[in-house]
N, C-alpha and C. Protein backbone atom coordinates (compact mmCIF):
# COMPACT_ATOMS: atom_id res chain seq x y z
N UNK A 1 -17.74 122.05 98.03
CA UNK A 1 -18.02 120.92 96.93
C UNK A 1 -18.53 121.76 95.79
N UNK A 2 -18.18 121.55 94.55
CA UNK A 2 -18.76 122.06 93.45
C UNK A 2 -19.35 120.85 92.56
N UNK A 3 -20.54 121.23 91.89
CA UNK A 3 -20.99 120.18 91.00
C UNK A 3 -21.40 120.92 89.69
N UNK A 4 -20.80 120.27 88.56
CA UNK A 4 -21.17 120.64 87.28
C UNK A 4 -21.95 119.56 86.60
N UNK A 5 -22.56 119.86 85.55
CA UNK A 5 -23.29 118.81 84.85
C UNK A 5 -23.19 119.14 83.25
N UNK A 6 -23.34 118.08 82.53
CA UNK A 6 -23.30 118.24 81.14
C UNK A 6 -23.79 116.92 80.51
N UNK A 7 -24.47 116.89 79.33
CA UNK A 7 -25.10 115.72 78.71
C UNK A 7 -24.17 115.29 77.63
N UNK A 8 -23.89 113.90 77.78
CA UNK A 8 -23.40 113.07 76.44
C UNK A 8 -24.34 112.14 76.12
N UNK A 9 -24.90 112.47 75.02
CA UNK A 9 -26.30 111.79 74.48
C UNK A 9 -27.13 111.89 75.43
N UNK A 10 -27.73 110.81 76.00
CA UNK A 10 -28.82 110.79 76.82
C UNK A 10 -28.38 110.52 78.17
N UNK A 11 -26.96 110.55 78.47
CA UNK A 11 -26.32 110.36 79.69
C UNK A 11 -25.95 111.71 80.42
N UNK A 12 -26.54 111.85 81.69
CA UNK A 12 -26.33 113.15 82.40
C UNK A 12 -24.89 112.73 83.28
N UNK A 13 -23.76 113.58 82.82
CA UNK A 13 -22.48 113.45 83.51
C UNK A 13 -22.53 114.35 84.59
N UNK A 14 -22.33 114.02 85.79
CA UNK A 14 -22.33 114.88 87.08
C UNK A 14 -20.82 115.00 87.39
N UNK A 15 -20.18 116.06 87.39
CA UNK A 15 -18.79 116.27 87.63
C UNK A 15 -18.62 116.69 89.18
N UNK A 16 -18.05 115.97 90.08
CA UNK A 16 -17.89 116.59 91.35
C UNK A 16 -16.51 117.06 91.63
N UNK A 17 -16.39 117.97 92.29
CA UNK A 17 -15.08 118.76 92.71
C UNK A 17 -15.06 118.99 94.11
N UNK A 18 -14.14 118.56 94.97
CA UNK A 18 -13.76 118.96 96.30
C UNK A 18 -14.20 117.61 97.31
N UNK A 19 -14.66 117.92 98.42
CA UNK A 19 -14.98 116.90 99.43
C UNK A 19 -16.49 116.54 99.46
N UNK A 20 -16.81 115.32 99.62
CA UNK A 20 -18.13 114.82 99.82
C UNK A 20 -18.14 114.57 101.27
N UNK A 21 -18.43 115.60 102.11
CA UNK A 21 -18.51 115.51 103.64
C UNK A 21 -19.68 115.97 104.15
N UNK A 22 -20.12 115.58 105.37
CA UNK A 22 -21.19 116.20 106.07
C UNK A 22 -21.00 117.63 106.49
N UNK A 23 -19.72 117.93 106.86
CA UNK A 23 -19.26 119.31 107.23
C UNK A 23 -19.43 120.30 106.13
N UNK A 24 -19.18 120.02 104.98
CA UNK A 24 -19.15 120.80 103.88
C UNK A 24 -20.42 120.82 103.00
N UNK A 25 -21.31 120.05 103.40
CA UNK A 25 -22.72 119.83 102.76
C UNK A 25 -22.69 119.05 101.40
N UNK A 26 -21.52 118.39 101.06
CA UNK A 26 -21.50 117.72 99.66
C UNK A 26 -22.44 116.51 99.71
N UNK A 27 -22.64 116.04 100.76
CA UNK A 27 -23.64 114.75 100.69
C UNK A 27 -25.03 115.17 100.44
N UNK A 28 -25.49 116.40 100.85
CA UNK A 28 -26.81 116.99 100.43
C UNK A 28 -26.77 117.51 99.14
N UNK A 29 -25.73 118.02 98.60
CA UNK A 29 -25.63 118.78 97.19
C UNK A 29 -25.69 117.52 96.35
N UNK A 30 -25.21 116.50 96.58
CA UNK A 30 -25.16 115.38 95.43
C UNK A 30 -26.65 114.68 95.45
N UNK A 31 -27.22 114.57 96.70
CA UNK A 31 -28.68 114.10 96.67
C UNK A 31 -29.68 115.13 95.99
N UNK A 32 -29.53 116.48 96.16
CA UNK A 32 -30.37 117.40 95.62
C UNK A 32 -30.08 117.33 93.87
N UNK A 33 -28.89 117.26 93.57
CA UNK A 33 -28.62 117.27 92.21
C UNK A 33 -29.13 116.10 91.47
N UNK A 34 -29.03 114.79 92.19
CA UNK A 34 -29.40 113.55 91.41
C UNK A 34 -31.06 113.61 91.46
N UNK A 35 -31.55 114.24 92.66
CA UNK A 35 -33.07 114.18 92.73
C UNK A 35 -33.64 115.11 91.47
N UNK A 36 -32.87 116.31 91.31
CA UNK A 36 -33.33 117.22 90.25
C UNK A 36 -33.21 116.67 88.83
N UNK A 37 -32.03 115.79 88.57
CA UNK A 37 -31.99 115.08 87.18
C UNK A 37 -32.97 114.17 87.00
N UNK A 38 -33.32 113.33 88.14
CA UNK A 38 -34.27 112.25 87.98
C UNK A 38 -35.72 112.76 87.84
N UNK A 39 -36.13 113.92 88.37
CA UNK A 39 -37.36 114.78 88.21
C UNK A 39 -37.59 115.23 86.64
N UNK A 40 -36.32 115.57 86.28
CA UNK A 40 -36.29 116.08 84.81
C UNK A 40 -36.33 114.91 83.76
N UNK A 41 -36.48 113.59 84.18
CA UNK A 41 -36.69 112.45 83.35
C UNK A 41 -35.25 111.76 82.93
N UNK A 42 -34.07 112.20 83.64
CA UNK A 42 -32.94 111.64 83.27
C UNK A 42 -32.81 110.27 84.10
N UNK A 43 -32.45 109.28 83.46
CA UNK A 43 -32.32 108.02 84.21
C UNK A 43 -30.98 107.32 84.04
N UNK A 44 -30.05 107.93 83.17
CA UNK A 44 -28.82 107.39 83.10
C UNK A 44 -27.89 108.48 83.57
N UNK A 45 -27.38 108.19 84.82
CA UNK A 45 -26.46 109.17 85.53
C UNK A 45 -25.10 108.67 85.71
N UNK A 46 -23.92 109.35 85.46
CA UNK A 46 -22.70 108.97 85.54
C UNK A 46 -21.97 110.10 86.41
N UNK A 47 -21.54 109.80 87.66
CA UNK A 47 -21.06 110.52 88.71
C UNK A 47 -19.27 110.53 88.37
N UNK A 48 -18.98 111.61 87.94
CA UNK A 48 -17.41 111.76 87.87
C UNK A 48 -16.78 112.30 89.14
N UNK A 49 -15.99 111.21 89.61
CA UNK A 49 -15.41 111.42 91.00
C UNK A 49 -13.98 111.79 90.82
N UNK A 50 -13.39 112.08 89.69
CA UNK A 50 -11.95 112.15 89.49
C UNK A 50 -11.48 113.48 90.23
N UNK A 51 -12.16 114.42 90.44
CA UNK A 51 -11.67 115.61 91.33
C UNK A 51 -12.21 115.69 92.72
N UNK A 52 -12.62 114.60 93.31
CA UNK A 52 -13.15 114.43 94.52
C UNK A 52 -11.75 114.02 95.54
N UNK A 53 -11.55 115.03 96.59
CA UNK A 53 -10.37 114.64 97.28
C UNK A 53 -10.59 113.79 98.52
N UNK A 54 -11.87 113.90 98.98
CA UNK A 54 -12.12 113.14 100.43
C UNK A 54 -13.60 112.83 100.48
N UNK A 55 -14.05 111.68 100.97
CA UNK A 55 -15.24 111.51 101.20
C UNK A 55 -15.38 110.82 102.60
N UNK A 56 -16.28 111.18 103.50
CA UNK A 56 -16.38 110.79 104.85
C UNK A 56 -17.64 109.77 104.79
N UNK A 57 -18.02 109.30 105.87
CA UNK A 57 -19.04 108.31 105.91
C UNK A 57 -20.34 108.69 105.49
N UNK A 58 -20.64 110.00 105.74
CA UNK A 58 -21.89 110.65 105.45
C UNK A 58 -21.89 110.83 103.85
N UNK A 59 -20.76 111.18 103.29
CA UNK A 59 -20.75 111.21 101.77
C UNK A 59 -20.94 109.86 101.23
N UNK A 60 -20.28 108.77 101.88
CA UNK A 60 -20.51 107.54 101.15
C UNK A 60 -21.90 107.14 101.41
N UNK A 61 -22.48 107.30 102.48
CA UNK A 61 -23.89 107.00 102.59
C UNK A 61 -24.71 107.66 101.65
N UNK A 62 -24.50 108.78 101.26
CA UNK A 62 -25.20 109.51 100.29
C UNK A 62 -25.01 109.06 98.83
N UNK A 63 -23.97 108.54 98.57
CA UNK A 63 -23.75 107.82 97.27
C UNK A 63 -24.50 106.63 97.18
N UNK A 64 -24.63 105.90 98.38
CA UNK A 64 -25.41 104.64 98.36
C UNK A 64 -26.93 105.15 98.23
N UNK A 65 -27.37 106.08 98.97
CA UNK A 65 -28.65 106.35 98.69
C UNK A 65 -28.93 106.89 97.46
N UNK A 66 -28.22 107.78 96.87
CA UNK A 66 -28.67 108.22 95.48
C UNK A 66 -28.56 107.08 94.39
N UNK A 67 -27.76 106.07 94.60
CA UNK A 67 -27.61 104.68 93.84
C UNK A 67 -29.18 104.05 93.96
N UNK A 68 -29.48 103.90 95.34
CA UNK A 68 -30.86 103.28 95.72
C UNK A 68 -31.99 104.00 95.00
N UNK A 69 -32.09 105.44 95.18
CA UNK A 69 -33.13 106.16 94.73
C UNK A 69 -33.19 105.99 93.14
N UNK A 70 -31.99 106.11 92.43
CA UNK A 70 -31.99 105.96 90.95
C UNK A 70 -32.55 104.60 90.62
N UNK A 71 -31.92 103.65 91.12
CA UNK A 71 -32.54 102.30 90.72
C UNK A 71 -33.82 101.99 90.99
N UNK A 72 -34.29 102.68 92.13
CA UNK A 72 -35.78 102.43 92.44
C UNK A 72 -36.72 103.11 91.37
N UNK A 73 -36.34 104.14 90.85
CA UNK A 73 -36.96 104.83 89.76
C UNK A 73 -36.69 104.28 88.27
N UNK A 74 -35.97 103.24 88.29
CA UNK A 74 -35.77 102.68 87.04
C UNK A 74 -34.47 103.18 86.20
N UNK A 75 -33.82 103.83 86.82
CA UNK A 75 -32.56 104.46 86.41
C UNK A 75 -31.30 103.53 86.77
N UNK A 76 -30.22 104.37 86.08
CA UNK A 76 -28.96 103.55 86.34
C UNK A 76 -27.85 104.62 86.73
N UNK A 77 -27.17 104.41 87.82
CA UNK A 77 -26.23 105.46 88.19
C UNK A 77 -24.93 104.63 88.29
N UNK A 78 -23.84 105.21 87.61
CA UNK A 78 -22.46 104.54 87.53
C UNK A 78 -21.54 105.57 87.85
N UNK A 79 -20.33 105.03 88.34
CA UNK A 79 -19.31 106.02 88.90
C UNK A 79 -17.96 106.07 87.62
N UNK A 80 -17.48 107.13 87.61
CA UNK A 80 -16.44 107.47 86.71
C UNK A 80 -15.19 108.01 87.35
N UNK A 81 -14.00 107.63 86.90
CA UNK A 81 -12.78 108.16 87.63
C UNK A 81 -12.63 108.14 89.10
N UNK A 82 -13.11 107.06 89.56
CA UNK A 82 -13.05 106.84 91.22
C UNK A 82 -11.52 107.02 91.54
N UNK A 83 -11.18 107.80 92.48
CA UNK A 83 -9.76 108.18 92.79
C UNK A 83 -9.28 106.94 93.64
N UNK A 84 -8.13 106.67 93.99
CA UNK A 84 -7.47 105.61 94.81
C UNK A 84 -8.06 105.57 96.11
N UNK A 85 -8.00 106.64 96.71
CA UNK A 85 -8.40 106.69 98.09
C UNK A 85 -10.04 106.42 98.24
N UNK A 86 -10.95 106.80 97.35
CA UNK A 86 -12.24 106.41 97.41
C UNK A 86 -12.51 104.81 96.94
N UNK A 87 -11.65 104.46 96.00
CA UNK A 87 -11.76 102.99 95.47
C UNK A 87 -11.37 102.23 96.78
N UNK A 88 -10.29 102.48 97.58
CA UNK A 88 -9.94 101.83 98.52
C UNK A 88 -11.09 101.69 99.67
N UNK A 89 -11.69 102.88 99.79
CA UNK A 89 -12.81 102.91 100.89
C UNK A 89 -13.89 102.02 100.29
N UNK A 90 -14.22 102.12 99.06
CA UNK A 90 -15.20 101.16 98.49
C UNK A 90 -15.01 99.79 98.52
N UNK A 91 -13.65 99.38 98.67
CA UNK A 91 -13.30 98.05 98.68
C UNK A 91 -13.55 97.57 100.06
N UNK A 92 -12.98 98.50 101.03
CA UNK A 92 -12.99 98.25 102.44
C UNK A 92 -14.49 97.88 102.88
N UNK A 93 -15.47 98.75 102.37
CA UNK A 93 -16.79 98.75 102.77
C UNK A 93 -17.65 97.52 101.93
N UNK A 94 -16.88 97.02 100.96
CA UNK A 94 -17.51 96.16 100.03
C UNK A 94 -18.59 96.76 99.08
N UNK A 95 -18.62 97.89 98.96
CA UNK A 95 -19.51 98.62 98.11
C UNK A 95 -19.01 98.69 96.70
N UNK A 96 -17.74 98.24 96.27
CA UNK A 96 -17.35 98.43 95.17
C UNK A 96 -18.15 97.29 94.26
N UNK A 97 -18.55 96.24 94.70
CA UNK A 97 -19.31 95.28 94.17
C UNK A 97 -20.79 95.88 93.84
N UNK A 98 -21.24 96.90 94.54
CA UNK A 98 -22.53 97.49 94.27
C UNK A 98 -22.48 98.56 93.02
N UNK A 99 -21.47 99.27 92.94
CA UNK A 99 -21.41 100.35 91.89
C UNK A 99 -20.64 99.67 90.79
N UNK A 100 -21.17 100.10 89.52
CA UNK A 100 -20.27 99.93 88.34
C UNK A 100 -19.48 101.17 88.03
N UNK A 101 -18.18 101.03 87.93
CA UNK A 101 -17.15 101.80 87.98
C UNK A 101 -16.24 101.83 86.75
N UNK A 102 -16.03 102.96 86.16
CA UNK A 102 -15.27 103.18 84.92
C UNK A 102 -14.13 104.13 85.02
N UNK A 103 -13.01 103.84 84.47
CA UNK A 103 -11.82 104.95 84.32
C UNK A 103 -12.13 105.77 83.10
N UNK A 104 -12.73 105.14 82.00
CA UNK A 104 -12.71 105.99 80.73
C UNK A 104 -14.20 106.28 80.42
N UNK A 105 -14.50 107.59 80.17
CA UNK A 105 -15.72 108.26 80.08
C UNK A 105 -16.41 107.57 78.80
N UNK A 106 -15.89 107.26 77.71
CA UNK A 106 -16.46 106.87 76.41
C UNK A 106 -16.92 105.42 76.84
N UNK A 107 -16.25 104.74 77.48
CA UNK A 107 -16.39 103.21 77.79
C UNK A 107 -17.88 103.49 78.82
N UNK A 108 -17.82 104.33 79.77
CA UNK A 108 -18.75 104.30 80.68
C UNK A 108 -20.18 104.71 80.08
N UNK A 109 -20.02 105.66 79.15
CA UNK A 109 -21.17 106.18 78.58
C UNK A 109 -21.88 104.91 77.54
N UNK A 110 -21.03 104.27 76.92
CA UNK A 110 -21.45 103.10 76.16
C UNK A 110 -22.04 101.99 76.82
N UNK A 111 -21.54 101.93 78.14
CA UNK A 111 -22.02 100.89 78.93
C UNK A 111 -23.58 100.83 79.27
N UNK A 112 -24.12 102.20 79.18
CA UNK A 112 -25.49 102.56 79.34
C UNK A 112 -26.44 101.86 78.18
N UNK A 113 -25.79 101.68 77.16
CA UNK A 113 -26.51 101.14 75.88
C UNK A 113 -26.65 99.57 75.81
N UNK A 114 -25.87 98.90 76.74
CA UNK A 114 -26.05 97.47 76.72
C UNK A 114 -27.15 96.97 77.27
C-alpha cells in the first residue's frame, strides 16, 4: 500500500493506492497517517480510495476506527472515489450510511464548508 497526501485549501486529501489489508500492513498505515494529520491540527480529512484494489475485514475495521477517532477529536473524515467493490462491501455491512462518500473531489472539498 502507498499513501500520498496533498492539501486542497484546508482539506487534507489522503490518496491510497493498493490493498488495505492486515497482511500488507495497509490497515496500520492508514491509522498512522490519520493520527499524524490529526496531531498536526488537520480536522478535515478526505480519503481518496479510487486506486484501492482490495479491502479485507481488518482494513474495513481500520476505516471505521479512523472515522471514529477523527470524529471524537472534532474532525470530519469523508471518502472520495470509492470503488464498486468497496462500495458493495460498505452496503453489505451497512457502513455506507456512516461515511459521507463523494465521486467528485471538488464537490467533496466543498462539502466541508457546509
